[in-house]
């Protein structure tokens, strides 16, 4: 008797730094049925350098790609962190050049909370903190960050991630990648960094949505 054919499953590892990102992606994972291993990293304990150490320790077993989702605002607020961010960028680039598990660096500028606001139809670039606390009536940014169903909140009543994706313009990081569906393979051929966009809000989180939906 022949063995039953083993079904290949897409599995991704996602490193994220904040509660908002974790709660959003966790609910997204359940909603879309994507196999994601979420790895929250406490940035307060070592910044971008600590983040890099977490990535290096993570095994590559049965993994199609790794996503490193971080905020750029830390580099803006703490000048000493910019060199550490560049080290993280170089590490990801090196892994991709060596044709290892693709490392997608996703850089939200200034942060994921801005990306979250882009989901909302009535948001048109206002101050993020004031918009969340006052216009949305949540009263406290920490309350928003702790919202377990933030994905559902941002994808109902006319709000959607499709709207957010359509609004993304300027990006500091752009990964060029190819997806081989039949071979269950993803490759990053090049990564461009546009430092001239560091003062303009944006994100390349569109790459995350594109890859996990194939």
N, C-alpha and C. Protein backbone atom coordinates (compact mmCIF):
# COMPACT_ATOMS: atom_id res chain seq x y z
N UNK A 1 0.85 -1.19 0.00
CA UNK A 1 0.00 0.00 0.00
C UNK A 1 0.89 1.24 0.00
N UNK A 2 0.62 2.14 -0.90
CA UNK A 2 1.43 3.36 -0.98
C UNK A 2 1.09 4.30 0.16
N UNK A 3 2.08 5.05 0.55
CA UNK A 3 1.85 6.02 1.61
C UNK A 3 1.01 7.19 1.12
N UNK A 4 0.17 7.74 1.99
CA UNK A 4 -0.60 8.91 1.57
C UNK A 4 0.34 10.07 1.27
N UNK A 5 0.00 10.80 0.24
CA UNK A 5 0.84 11.93 -0.17
C UNK A 5 0.84 13.00 0.91
N UNK A 6 2.05 13.41 1.29
CA UNK A 6 2.17 14.42 2.34
C UNK A 6 1.81 15.80 1.79
N UNK A 7 0.94 16.49 2.48
CA UNK A 7 0.52 17.82 2.04
C UNK A 7 1.48 18.87 2.59
N UNK A 8 2.07 19.62 1.67
CA UNK A 8 2.96 20.69 2.07
C UNK A 8 2.16 21.85 2.63
N UNK A 9 2.66 22.44 3.69
CA UNK A 9 1.96 23.57 4.29
C UNK A 9 2.90 24.75 4.37
N UNK A 10 2.36 25.89 4.06
CA UNK A 10 3.17 27.10 4.13
C UNK A 10 3.31 27.54 5.59
N UNK A 11 4.51 27.77 5.99
CA UNK A 11 4.75 28.21 7.36
C UNK A 11 5.69 29.40 7.35
N UNK A 12 5.32 30.41 8.09
CA UNK A 12 6.15 31.61 8.18
C UNK A 12 6.43 31.92 9.65
N UNK A 13 7.58 32.52 9.89
CA UNK A 13 7.91 32.99 11.22
C UNK A 13 7.88 34.51 11.19
N UNK A 14 7.17 35.10 12.14
CA UNK A 14 7.02 36.55 12.19
C UNK A 14 7.56 37.08 13.52
N UNK A 15 8.57 37.92 13.43
CA UNK A 15 9.10 38.61 14.60
C UNK A 15 8.48 40.00 14.65
N UNK A 16 7.89 40.35 15.77
CA UNK A 16 7.28 41.67 15.89
C UNK A 16 7.60 42.25 17.27
N UNK A 17 7.57 43.56 17.36
CA UNK A 17 8.04 44.20 18.59
C UNK A 17 6.96 44.72 19.52
N UNK A 18 5.75 44.94 19.03
CA UNK A 18 4.75 45.60 19.86
C UNK A 18 3.48 44.79 20.04
N UNK A 19 2.68 45.18 21.04
CA UNK A 19 1.41 44.49 21.30
C UNK A 19 0.44 44.65 20.13
N UNK A 20 0.39 45.84 19.53
CA UNK A 20 -0.55 46.08 18.43
C UNK A 20 -0.26 45.13 17.28
N UNK A 21 1.02 45.02 16.90
CA UNK A 21 1.40 44.14 15.81
C UNK A 21 1.05 42.69 16.14
N UNK A 22 1.38 42.28 17.36
CA UNK A 22 1.12 40.89 17.76
C UNK A 22 -0.37 40.58 17.70
N UNK A 23 -1.18 41.43 18.31
CA UNK A 23 -2.62 41.19 18.35
C UNK A 23 -3.23 41.20 16.95
N UNK A 24 -2.77 42.11 16.11
CA UNK A 24 -3.28 42.22 14.74
C UNK A 24 -2.95 40.95 13.95
N UNK A 25 -1.68 40.56 13.95
CA UNK A 25 -1.25 39.42 13.15
C UNK A 25 -1.80 38.11 13.69
N UNK A 26 -1.95 38.01 15.01
CA UNK A 26 -2.51 36.81 15.60
C UNK A 26 -3.95 36.60 15.13
N UNK A 27 -4.75 37.67 15.15
CA UNK A 27 -6.14 37.57 14.69
C UNK A 27 -6.20 37.36 13.18
N UNK A 28 -5.29 37.99 12.47
CA UNK A 28 -5.21 37.82 11.02
C UNK A 28 -4.90 36.37 10.66
N UNK A 29 -4.00 35.77 11.42
CA UNK A 29 -3.63 34.37 11.21
C UNK A 29 -4.85 33.46 11.34
N UNK A 30 -5.65 33.67 12.35
CA UNK A 30 -6.84 32.85 12.57
C UNK A 30 -7.90 33.12 11.51
N UNK A 31 -8.02 34.37 11.11
CA UNK A 31 -9.05 34.76 10.14
C UNK A 31 -8.75 34.21 8.75
N UNK A 32 -7.47 34.23 8.35
CA UNK A 32 -7.11 33.82 6.99
C UNK A 32 -6.60 32.39 6.90
N UNK A 33 -6.44 31.74 8.04
CA UNK A 33 -5.99 30.35 8.01
C UNK A 33 -4.56 30.17 7.56
N UNK A 34 -3.71 31.14 7.87
CA UNK A 34 -2.30 31.07 7.49
C UNK A 34 -1.50 30.53 8.66
N UNK A 35 -0.54 29.66 8.36
CA UNK A 35 0.29 29.10 9.42
C UNK A 35 1.45 30.04 9.72
N UNK A 36 1.29 30.78 10.81
CA UNK A 36 2.29 31.75 11.23
C UNK A 36 2.77 31.41 12.63
N UNK A 37 4.08 31.46 12.82
CA UNK A 37 4.64 31.33 14.16
C UNK A 37 5.04 32.73 14.62
N UNK A 38 4.32 33.25 15.58
CA UNK A 38 4.57 34.61 16.06
C UNK A 38 5.62 34.63 17.15
N UNK A 39 6.60 35.51 17.00
CA UNK A 39 7.71 35.63 17.95
C UNK A 39 7.81 37.08 18.44
N UNK A 40 7.10 37.43 19.50
CA UNK A 40 7.20 38.80 20.01
C UNK A 40 8.57 39.04 20.65
N UNK A 41 9.12 40.24 20.41
CA UNK A 41 10.43 40.59 20.94
C UNK A 41 10.31 41.88 21.74
N UNK A 42 10.79 41.86 22.97
CA UNK A 42 10.75 43.05 23.81
C UNK A 42 11.91 43.98 23.44
N UNK A 43 11.60 45.06 22.74
CA UNK A 43 12.63 45.98 22.28
C UNK A 43 13.26 46.78 23.42
N UNK A 44 12.56 46.86 24.53
CA UNK A 44 13.10 47.65 25.64
C UNK A 44 14.34 47.00 26.24
N UNK A 45 14.50 45.71 25.99
CA UNK A 45 15.61 45.01 26.59
C UNK A 45 16.88 44.98 25.76
N UNK A 46 16.93 45.71 24.66
CA UNK A 46 18.15 45.69 23.85
C UNK A 46 18.03 46.33 22.49
N UNK A 47 16.86 46.92 22.21
CA UNK A 47 16.69 47.63 20.95
C UNK A 47 16.84 46.72 19.74
N UNK A 48 17.29 47.31 18.64
CA UNK A 48 17.44 46.56 17.40
C UNK A 48 18.49 45.44 17.53
N UNK A 49 19.51 45.68 18.36
CA UNK A 49 20.55 44.66 18.55
C UNK A 49 19.96 43.42 19.22
N UNK A 50 19.10 43.63 20.22
CA UNK A 50 18.44 42.51 20.87
C UNK A 50 17.51 41.78 19.91
N UNK A 51 16.88 42.55 19.05
CA UNK A 51 16.00 41.96 18.04
C UNK A 51 16.79 41.04 17.13
N UNK A 52 17.96 41.50 16.72
CA UNK A 52 18.82 40.72 15.83
C UNK A 52 19.23 39.40 16.49
N UNK A 53 19.54 39.44 17.78
CA UNK A 53 19.93 38.22 18.48
C UNK A 53 18.81 37.20 18.50
N UNK A 54 17.59 37.66 18.66
CA UNK A 54 16.44 36.75 18.65
C UNK A 54 16.32 36.06 17.29
N UNK A 55 16.53 36.82 16.22
CA UNK A 55 16.41 36.26 14.88
C UNK A 55 17.48 35.21 14.63
N UNK A 56 18.69 35.49 15.07
CA UNK A 56 19.81 34.56 14.86
C UNK A 56 19.58 33.22 15.56
N UNK A 57 18.88 33.25 16.69
CA UNK A 57 18.67 32.04 17.48
C UNK A 57 17.53 31.18 16.95
N UNK A 58 16.68 31.74 16.10
CA UNK A 58 15.51 31.02 15.63
C UNK A 58 15.88 29.99 14.56
N UNK A 59 15.44 28.76 14.74
CA UNK A 59 15.73 27.70 13.78
C UNK A 59 15.00 27.93 12.46
N UNK A 60 15.55 27.36 11.39
CA UNK A 60 14.97 27.52 10.06
C UNK A 60 14.08 26.36 9.65
N UNK A 61 13.89 25.40 10.52
CA UNK A 61 13.17 24.18 10.17
C UNK A 61 11.76 24.45 9.63
N UNK A 62 11.47 23.87 8.47
CA UNK A 62 10.13 23.91 7.89
C UNK A 62 9.59 25.33 7.79
N UNK A 63 10.44 26.23 7.39
CA UNK A 63 10.05 27.64 7.31
C UNK A 63 10.25 28.15 5.89
N UNK A 64 9.22 28.77 5.34
CA UNK A 64 9.31 29.33 4.00
C UNK A 64 9.95 30.71 3.99
N UNK A 65 9.67 31.50 5.01
CA UNK A 65 10.20 32.86 5.07
C UNK A 65 10.08 33.40 6.49
N UNK A 66 10.95 34.35 6.80
CA UNK A 66 10.88 35.06 8.07
C UNK A 66 10.57 36.53 7.81
N UNK A 67 9.66 37.05 8.63
CA UNK A 67 9.31 38.46 8.54
C UNK A 67 9.75 39.17 9.81
N UNK A 68 10.47 40.24 9.64
CA UNK A 68 10.94 41.03 10.78
C UNK A 68 10.22 42.37 10.70
N UNK A 69 9.19 42.53 11.53
CA UNK A 69 8.34 43.73 11.45
C UNK A 69 8.70 44.66 12.61
N UNK A 70 9.29 45.80 12.26
CA UNK A 70 9.77 46.73 13.28
C UNK A 70 9.38 48.16 12.94
N UNK A 71 9.44 49.00 13.96
CA UNK A 71 9.14 50.43 13.81
C UNK A 71 10.43 51.21 13.59
N UNK A 72 10.33 52.25 12.77
CA UNK A 72 11.50 53.10 12.52
C UNK A 72 11.64 54.19 13.58
N UNK A 73 10.60 54.45 14.34
CA UNK A 73 10.64 55.57 15.28
C UNK A 73 11.72 55.41 16.34
N UNK A 74 12.10 54.20 16.65
CA UNK A 74 13.17 54.00 17.64
C UNK A 74 14.48 54.60 17.14
N UNK A 75 14.78 54.43 15.86
CA UNK A 75 16.00 54.99 15.29
C UNK A 75 15.95 56.52 15.27
N UNK A 76 14.75 57.06 15.14
CA UNK A 76 14.60 58.52 15.11
C UNK A 76 14.74 59.12 16.51
N UNK A 77 14.22 58.42 17.50
CA UNK A 77 14.23 58.94 18.87
C UNK A 77 15.56 58.70 19.57
N UNK A 78 16.25 57.64 19.18
CA UNK A 78 17.51 57.28 19.83
C UNK A 78 18.59 57.16 18.75
N UNK A 79 19.36 58.22 18.50
CA UNK A 79 20.36 58.23 17.42
C UNK A 79 21.32 57.04 17.45
N UNK A 80 21.66 56.57 18.64
CA UNK A 80 22.56 55.43 18.74
C UNK A 80 21.98 54.14 18.19
N UNK A 81 20.68 54.12 17.96
CA UNK A 81 20.02 52.92 17.46
C UNK A 81 20.11 52.78 15.94
N UNK A 82 20.38 53.88 15.24
CA UNK A 82 20.44 53.80 13.78
C UNK A 82 21.51 52.83 13.29
N UNK A 83 22.73 52.86 13.84
CA UNK A 83 23.73 51.87 13.41
C UNK A 83 23.29 50.43 13.69
N UNK A 84 22.55 50.22 14.79
CA UNK A 84 22.06 48.88 15.11
C UNK A 84 21.00 48.44 14.07
N UNK A 85 20.18 49.39 13.65
CA UNK A 85 19.18 49.08 12.62
C UNK A 85 19.88 48.69 11.32
N UNK A 86 20.94 49.41 10.98
CA UNK A 86 21.67 49.10 9.75
C UNK A 86 22.32 47.72 9.83
N UNK A 87 22.76 47.33 11.02
CA UNK A 87 23.32 45.99 11.20
C UNK A 87 22.24 44.92 10.96
N UNK A 88 21.05 45.19 11.45
CA UNK A 88 19.93 44.28 11.23
C UNK A 88 19.61 44.17 9.74
N UNK A 89 19.62 45.31 9.06
CA UNK A 89 19.38 45.32 7.62
C UNK A 89 20.43 44.49 6.88
N UNK A 90 21.69 44.68 7.25
CA UNK A 90 22.78 43.97 6.59
C UNK A 90 22.69 42.46 6.84
N UNK A 91 22.29 42.08 8.05
CA UNK A 91 22.15 40.66 8.36
C UNK A 91 21.09 40.03 7.46
N UNK A 92 19.94 40.69 7.35
CA UNK A 92 18.87 40.17 6.50
C UNK A 92 19.33 40.07 5.05
N UNK A 93 20.02 41.10 4.60
CA UNK A 93 20.51 41.11 3.22
C UNK A 93 21.49 39.97 2.98
N UNK A 94 22.35 39.71 3.95
CA UNK A 94 23.34 38.63 3.82
C UNK A 94 22.67 37.27 3.74
N UNK A 95 21.64 37.05 4.56
CA UNK A 95 20.92 35.77 4.52
C UNK A 95 20.29 35.56 3.15
N UNK A 96 19.77 36.63 2.59
CA UNK A 96 19.12 36.54 1.28
C UNK A 96 20.14 36.30 0.17
N UNK A 97 21.29 36.93 0.28
CA UNK A 97 22.34 36.73 -0.72
C UNK A 97 22.87 35.30 -0.69
N UNK A 98 22.87 34.70 0.49
CA UNK A 98 23.35 33.32 0.63
C UNK A 98 22.29 32.29 0.28
N UNK A 99 21.13 32.79 -0.18
CA UNK A 99 20.02 31.92 -0.61
C UNK A 99 19.49 31.06 0.53
N UNK A 100 19.58 31.60 1.74
CA UNK A 100 19.02 30.88 2.88
C UNK A 100 17.54 31.23 3.01
N UNK A 101 16.94 30.92 4.15
CA UNK A 101 15.53 31.28 4.35
C UNK A 101 15.39 32.78 4.12
N UNK A 102 14.48 33.21 3.23
CA UNK A 102 14.35 34.64 2.97
C UNK A 102 13.94 35.42 4.22
N UNK A 103 14.63 36.53 4.44
CA UNK A 103 14.36 37.41 5.57
C UNK A 103 13.76 38.72 5.04
N UNK A 104 12.47 38.90 5.28
CA UNK A 104 11.79 40.12 4.86
C UNK A 104 11.83 41.14 6.00
N UNK A 105 12.61 42.19 5.82
CA UNK A 105 12.59 43.27 6.80
C UNK A 105 11.46 44.22 6.44
N UNK A 106 10.48 44.34 7.33
CA UNK A 106 9.33 45.22 7.14
C UNK A 106 9.49 46.40 8.09
N UNK A 107 9.66 47.59 7.54
CA UNK A 107 9.94 48.77 8.35
C UNK A 107 8.77 49.75 8.30
N UNK A 108 8.08 49.89 9.43
CA UNK A 108 6.96 50.82 9.53
C UNK A 108 7.48 52.18 9.99
N UNK A 109 7.20 53.20 9.21
CA UNK A 109 7.67 54.54 9.53
C UNK A 109 6.50 55.49 9.71
N UNK A 110 6.24 56.01 10.92
CA UNK A 110 7.11 55.85 12.08
C UNK A 110 6.87 54.56 12.88
N UNK A 111 5.61 54.03 12.82
CA UNK A 111 5.28 52.86 13.63
C UNK A 111 4.06 52.14 13.08
N UNK A 112 3.72 51.02 13.71
CA UNK A 112 2.59 50.22 13.25
C UNK A 112 1.26 50.92 13.51
N UNK A 113 1.23 51.80 14.51
CA UNK A 113 -0.01 52.51 14.80
C UNK A 113 -0.41 53.41 13.64
N UNK A 114 0.57 53.97 12.95
CA UNK A 114 0.28 54.75 11.75
C UNK A 114 -0.32 53.84 10.68
N UNK A 115 0.28 52.68 10.48
CA UNK A 115 -0.23 51.71 9.51
C UNK A 115 -1.67 51.33 9.87
N UNK A 116 -1.93 51.17 11.16
CA UNK A 116 -3.28 50.83 11.61
C UNK A 116 -4.28 51.92 11.22
N UNK A 117 -3.91 53.16 11.40
CA UNK A 117 -4.81 54.27 11.06
C UNK A 117 -5.13 54.31 9.57
N UNK A 118 -4.21 53.87 8.74
CA UNK A 118 -4.45 53.87 7.30
C UNK A 118 -5.59 52.95 6.89
N UNK A 119 -5.98 52.02 7.76
CA UNK A 119 -7.12 51.15 7.49
C UNK A 119 -8.43 51.94 7.49
N UNK A 120 -8.45 53.04 8.21
CA UNK A 120 -9.69 53.74 8.52
C UNK A 120 -10.04 54.75 7.44
N UNK A 121 -11.24 54.65 6.91
CA UNK A 121 -11.66 55.48 5.79
C UNK A 121 -11.55 56.97 6.08
N UNK A 122 -11.90 57.36 7.32
CA UNK A 122 -11.93 58.78 7.68
C UNK A 122 -10.56 59.34 8.07
N UNK A 123 -9.54 58.50 8.08
CA UNK A 123 -8.20 58.99 8.45
C UNK A 123 -7.51 59.58 7.23
N UNK A 124 -6.99 60.78 7.39
CA UNK A 124 -6.35 61.48 6.28
C UNK A 124 -5.04 62.13 6.72
N UNK A 125 -4.25 61.40 7.48
CA UNK A 125 -2.92 61.87 7.83
C UNK A 125 -2.81 62.67 9.11
N UNK A 126 -3.84 62.68 9.94
CA UNK A 126 -3.80 63.42 11.19
C UNK A 126 -2.76 62.82 12.15
N UNK A 127 -2.46 63.54 13.22
CA UNK A 127 -1.57 63.04 14.25
C UNK A 127 -2.14 61.71 14.78
N UNK A 128 -1.32 60.68 14.76
CA UNK A 128 -1.79 59.33 15.07
C UNK A 128 -2.30 59.21 16.50
N UNK A 129 -1.53 59.68 17.46
CA UNK A 129 -1.94 59.55 18.85
C UNK A 129 -3.27 60.27 19.10
N UNK A 130 -3.37 61.51 18.64
CA UNK A 130 -4.61 62.27 18.85
C UNK A 130 -5.78 61.60 18.14
N UNK A 131 -5.53 61.07 16.97
CA UNK A 131 -6.62 60.44 16.22
C UNK A 131 -7.15 59.21 16.95
N UNK A 132 -6.24 58.39 17.45
CA UNK A 132 -6.66 57.18 18.15
C UNK A 132 -7.32 57.51 19.49
N UNK A 133 -6.72 58.42 20.23
CA UNK A 133 -7.24 58.71 21.56
C UNK A 133 -8.49 59.58 21.54
N UNK A 134 -8.55 60.55 20.63
CA UNK A 134 -9.65 61.50 20.63
C UNK A 134 -10.71 61.20 19.56
N UNK A 135 -10.30 61.14 18.31
CA UNK A 135 -11.28 60.93 17.24
C UNK A 135 -11.94 59.55 17.32
N UNK A 136 -11.13 58.54 17.58
CA UNK A 136 -11.71 57.20 17.74
C UNK A 136 -12.32 56.99 19.12
N UNK A 137 -12.02 57.92 20.03
CA UNK A 137 -12.63 57.88 21.35
C UNK A 137 -12.10 56.81 22.27
N UNK A 138 -10.87 56.33 22.02
CA UNK A 138 -10.32 55.28 22.87
C UNK A 138 -9.68 55.82 24.14
N UNK A 139 -9.40 57.11 24.14
CA UNK A 139 -8.93 57.75 25.37
C UNK A 139 -7.48 57.55 25.72
N UNK A 140 -6.93 56.42 25.34
CA UNK A 140 -5.56 56.09 25.73
C UNK A 140 -4.93 55.20 24.67
N UNK A 141 -3.74 55.58 24.21
CA UNK A 141 -3.04 54.78 23.20
C UNK A 141 -2.78 53.37 23.70
N UNK A 142 -2.48 53.22 24.98
CA UNK A 142 -2.21 51.90 25.53
C UNK A 142 -3.43 50.99 25.44
N UNK A 143 -4.60 51.57 25.53
CA UNK A 143 -5.83 50.78 25.39
C UNK A 143 -5.94 50.23 23.98
N UNK A 144 -5.58 51.05 23.01
CA UNK A 144 -5.59 50.61 21.61
C UNK A 144 -4.56 49.50 21.39
N UNK A 145 -3.36 49.67 21.93
CA UNK A 145 -2.31 48.68 21.76
C UNK A 145 -2.67 47.33 22.38
N UNK A 146 -3.45 47.37 23.43
CA UNK A 146 -3.82 46.14 24.14
C UNK A 146 -5.08 45.49 23.58
N UNK A 147 -5.69 46.10 22.57
CA UNK A 147 -6.93 45.59 22.01
C UNK A 147 -6.70 44.24 21.33
N UNK A 148 -7.28 43.19 21.86
CA UNK A 148 -7.04 41.86 21.33
C UNK A 148 -7.60 41.69 19.91
N UNK A 149 -8.75 42.28 19.64
CA UNK A 149 -9.35 42.13 18.32
C UNK A 149 -9.12 43.37 17.47
N UNK A 150 -7.90 43.88 17.50
CA UNK A 150 -7.60 45.08 16.72
C UNK A 150 -7.74 44.80 15.22
N UNK A 151 -7.49 43.56 14.80
CA UNK A 151 -7.67 43.21 13.39
C UNK A 151 -9.12 43.36 12.97
N UNK A 152 -10.03 42.83 13.78
CA UNK A 152 -11.45 42.96 13.48
C UNK A 152 -11.90 44.40 13.51
N UNK A 153 -11.40 45.15 14.48
CA UNK A 153 -11.75 46.56 14.62
C UNK A 153 -11.36 47.35 13.37
N UNK A 154 -10.20 47.02 12.80
CA UNK A 154 -9.67 47.77 11.66
C UNK A 154 -10.16 47.23 10.31
N UNK A 155 -10.94 46.17 10.34
CA UNK A 155 -11.41 45.58 9.08
C UNK A 155 -12.92 45.40 9.05
N UNK A 156 -13.62 46.31 9.68
CA UNK A 156 -15.08 46.33 9.65
C UNK A 156 -15.57 47.78 9.48
N UNK A 157 -16.85 47.93 9.21
CA UNK A 157 -17.49 49.25 9.09
C UNK A 157 -16.81 50.13 8.06
N UNK A 158 -16.48 49.54 6.92
CA UNK A 158 -15.88 50.30 5.85
C UNK A 158 -14.38 50.44 5.92
N UNK A 159 -13.79 49.95 7.01
CA UNK A 159 -12.33 50.00 7.16
C UNK A 159 -11.75 48.67 6.66
N UNK A 160 -10.52 48.70 6.14
CA UNK A 160 -9.96 47.46 5.62
C UNK A 160 -8.46 47.56 5.39
N UNK A 161 -7.81 46.39 5.38
CA UNK A 161 -6.37 46.37 5.09
C UNK A 161 -6.13 46.70 3.62
N UNK A 162 -7.12 46.42 2.74
CA UNK A 162 -6.97 46.79 1.34
C UNK A 162 -6.82 48.30 1.18
N UNK A 163 -7.60 49.05 1.97
CA UNK A 163 -7.47 50.51 1.94
C UNK A 163 -6.09 50.92 2.43
N UNK A 164 -5.64 50.31 3.50
CA UNK A 164 -4.31 50.62 4.02
C UNK A 164 -3.24 50.37 2.96
N UNK A 165 -3.30 49.23 2.30
CA UNK A 165 -2.30 48.90 1.29
C UNK A 165 -2.30 49.89 0.13
N UNK A 166 -3.48 50.34 -0.25
CA UNK A 166 -3.57 51.29 -1.36
C UNK A 166 -3.02 52.66 -1.01
N UNK A 167 -2.87 52.94 0.28
CA UNK A 167 -2.41 54.25 0.72
C UNK A 167 -0.89 54.30 0.96
N UNK A 168 -0.26 53.16 0.96
CA UNK A 168 1.18 53.13 1.21
C UNK A 168 1.93 53.71 0.01
N UNK A 169 2.75 54.70 0.26
CA UNK A 169 3.49 55.37 -0.82
C UNK A 169 4.99 55.26 -0.60
N UNK A 170 5.55 56.12 0.22
CA UNK A 170 6.99 56.17 0.42
C UNK A 170 7.44 55.04 1.34
N UNK A 171 8.50 54.37 0.96
CA UNK A 171 9.02 53.24 1.73
C UNK A 171 10.53 53.37 1.87
N UNK A 172 11.02 53.09 3.06
CA UNK A 172 12.47 53.09 3.27
C UNK A 172 13.08 51.81 2.72
N UNK A 173 12.40 50.69 2.95
CA UNK A 173 12.89 49.39 2.51
C UNK A 173 11.96 48.81 1.45
N UNK A 174 12.56 48.29 0.38
CA UNK A 174 11.80 47.58 -0.66
C UNK A 174 12.54 46.28 -0.99
N UNK A 175 11.88 45.16 -0.73
CA UNK A 175 12.44 43.85 -1.06
C UNK A 175 11.91 43.40 -2.43
N UNK A 176 12.82 42.97 -3.29
CA UNK A 176 12.42 42.43 -4.60
C UNK A 176 12.49 40.91 -4.49
N UNK A 177 11.38 40.26 -4.73
CA UNK A 177 11.29 38.83 -4.48
C UNK A 177 10.50 38.11 -5.57
N UNK A 178 10.70 36.80 -5.61
CA UNK A 178 9.99 35.94 -6.56
C UNK A 178 9.38 34.77 -5.79
N UNK A 179 8.20 34.39 -6.20
CA UNK A 179 7.49 33.28 -5.56
C UNK A 179 7.28 32.16 -6.57
N UNK A 180 7.77 30.98 -6.25
CA UNK A 180 7.57 29.80 -7.07
C UNK A 180 6.51 28.94 -6.39
N UNK A 181 5.28 29.07 -6.82
CA UNK A 181 4.18 28.37 -6.15
C UNK A 181 4.29 26.86 -6.27
N UNK A 182 4.64 26.38 -7.46
CA UNK A 182 4.70 24.93 -7.66
C UNK A 182 5.83 24.29 -6.85
N UNK A 183 6.91 25.05 -6.66
CA UNK A 183 8.03 24.52 -5.91
C UNK A 183 8.05 24.91 -4.45
N UNK A 184 7.00 25.63 -4.03
CA UNK A 184 6.90 26.08 -2.64
C UNK A 184 8.19 26.80 -2.22
N UNK A 185 8.54 27.82 -2.99
CA UNK A 185 9.81 28.50 -2.76
C UNK A 185 9.66 30.01 -2.92
N UNK A 186 10.35 30.73 -2.05
CA UNK A 186 10.37 32.20 -2.10
C UNK A 186 11.82 32.64 -2.08
N UNK A 187 12.17 33.58 -2.95
CA UNK A 187 13.52 34.11 -2.98
C UNK A 187 13.49 35.64 -3.01
N UNK A 188 14.38 36.24 -2.24
CA UNK A 188 14.56 37.69 -2.29
C UNK A 188 15.83 37.94 -3.09
N UNK A 189 15.68 38.56 -4.24
CA UNK A 189 16.82 38.78 -5.13
C UNK A 189 17.59 40.06 -4.81
N UNK A 190 16.91 41.03 -4.20
CA UNK A 190 17.57 42.29 -3.90
C UNK A 190 16.74 43.07 -2.88
N UNK A 191 17.43 43.91 -2.12
CA UNK A 191 16.75 44.80 -1.17
C UNK A 191 17.30 46.21 -1.36
N UNK A 192 16.40 47.14 -1.60
CA UNK A 192 16.78 48.54 -1.76
C UNK A 192 16.41 49.31 -0.50
N UNK A 193 17.27 50.25 -0.14
CA UNK A 193 17.02 51.10 1.03
C UNK A 193 17.03 52.55 0.57
N UNK A 194 15.93 53.24 0.83
CA UNK A 194 15.77 54.63 0.40
C UNK A 194 15.79 55.54 1.64
N UNK A 195 16.97 55.94 2.05
CA UNK A 195 17.07 56.79 3.23
C UNK A 195 16.46 58.16 3.00
N UNK A 196 16.31 58.55 1.75
CA UNK A 196 15.68 59.85 1.46
C UNK A 196 14.21 59.88 1.86
N UNK A 197 13.65 58.72 2.18
CA UNK A 197 12.24 58.64 2.59
C UNK A 197 12.08 58.58 4.11
N UNK A 198 13.16 58.74 4.85
CA UNK A 198 13.06 58.55 6.30
C UNK A 198 12.18 59.59 6.98
N UNK A 199 11.95 60.73 6.37
CA UNK A 199 11.09 61.76 6.97
C UNK A 199 9.67 61.73 6.42
N UNK A 200 9.35 60.69 5.65
CA UNK A 200 8.01 60.56 5.08
C UNK A 200 7.39 59.26 5.58
N UNK A 201 6.18 59.35 6.07
CA UNK A 201 5.53 58.18 6.66
C UNK A 201 5.19 57.13 5.60
N UNK A 202 5.37 55.87 5.97
CA UNK A 202 5.08 54.80 5.04
C UNK A 202 5.50 53.45 5.60
N UNK A 203 5.41 52.42 4.78
CA UNK A 203 5.76 51.07 5.19
C UNK A 203 5.81 50.16 3.97
N UNK A 204 6.59 49.11 4.06
CA UNK A 204 6.58 48.07 3.02
C UNK A 204 5.86 46.81 3.51
N UNK A 205 4.90 47.01 4.42
CA UNK A 205 4.15 45.87 4.95
C UNK A 205 3.29 45.21 3.88
N UNK A 206 3.14 45.87 2.74
CA UNK A 206 2.43 45.26 1.61
C UNK A 206 3.08 43.95 1.20
N UNK A 207 4.40 43.84 1.40
CA UNK A 207 5.11 42.61 1.03
C UNK A 207 4.65 41.44 1.90
N UNK A 208 4.41 41.71 3.16
CA UNK A 208 3.92 40.68 4.08
C UNK A 208 2.56 40.16 3.63
N UNK A 209 1.65 41.06 3.31
CA UNK A 209 0.31 40.66 2.86
C UNK A 209 0.38 39.90 1.54
N UNK A 210 1.26 40.34 0.65
CA UNK A 210 1.37 39.70 -0.65
C UNK A 210 1.89 38.26 -0.52
N UNK A 211 2.93 38.07 0.25
CA UNK A 211 3.56 36.76 0.35
C UNK A 211 2.65 35.75 1.04
N UNK A 212 2.04 36.12 2.15
CA UNK A 212 1.25 35.11 2.89
C UNK A 212 -0.06 34.78 2.20
N UNK A 213 -0.44 35.52 1.16
CA UNK A 213 -1.73 35.28 0.50
C UNK A 213 -1.59 34.43 -0.75
N UNK A 214 -0.37 34.03 -1.14
CA UNK A 214 -0.24 33.28 -2.39
C UNK A 214 -0.68 31.82 -2.25
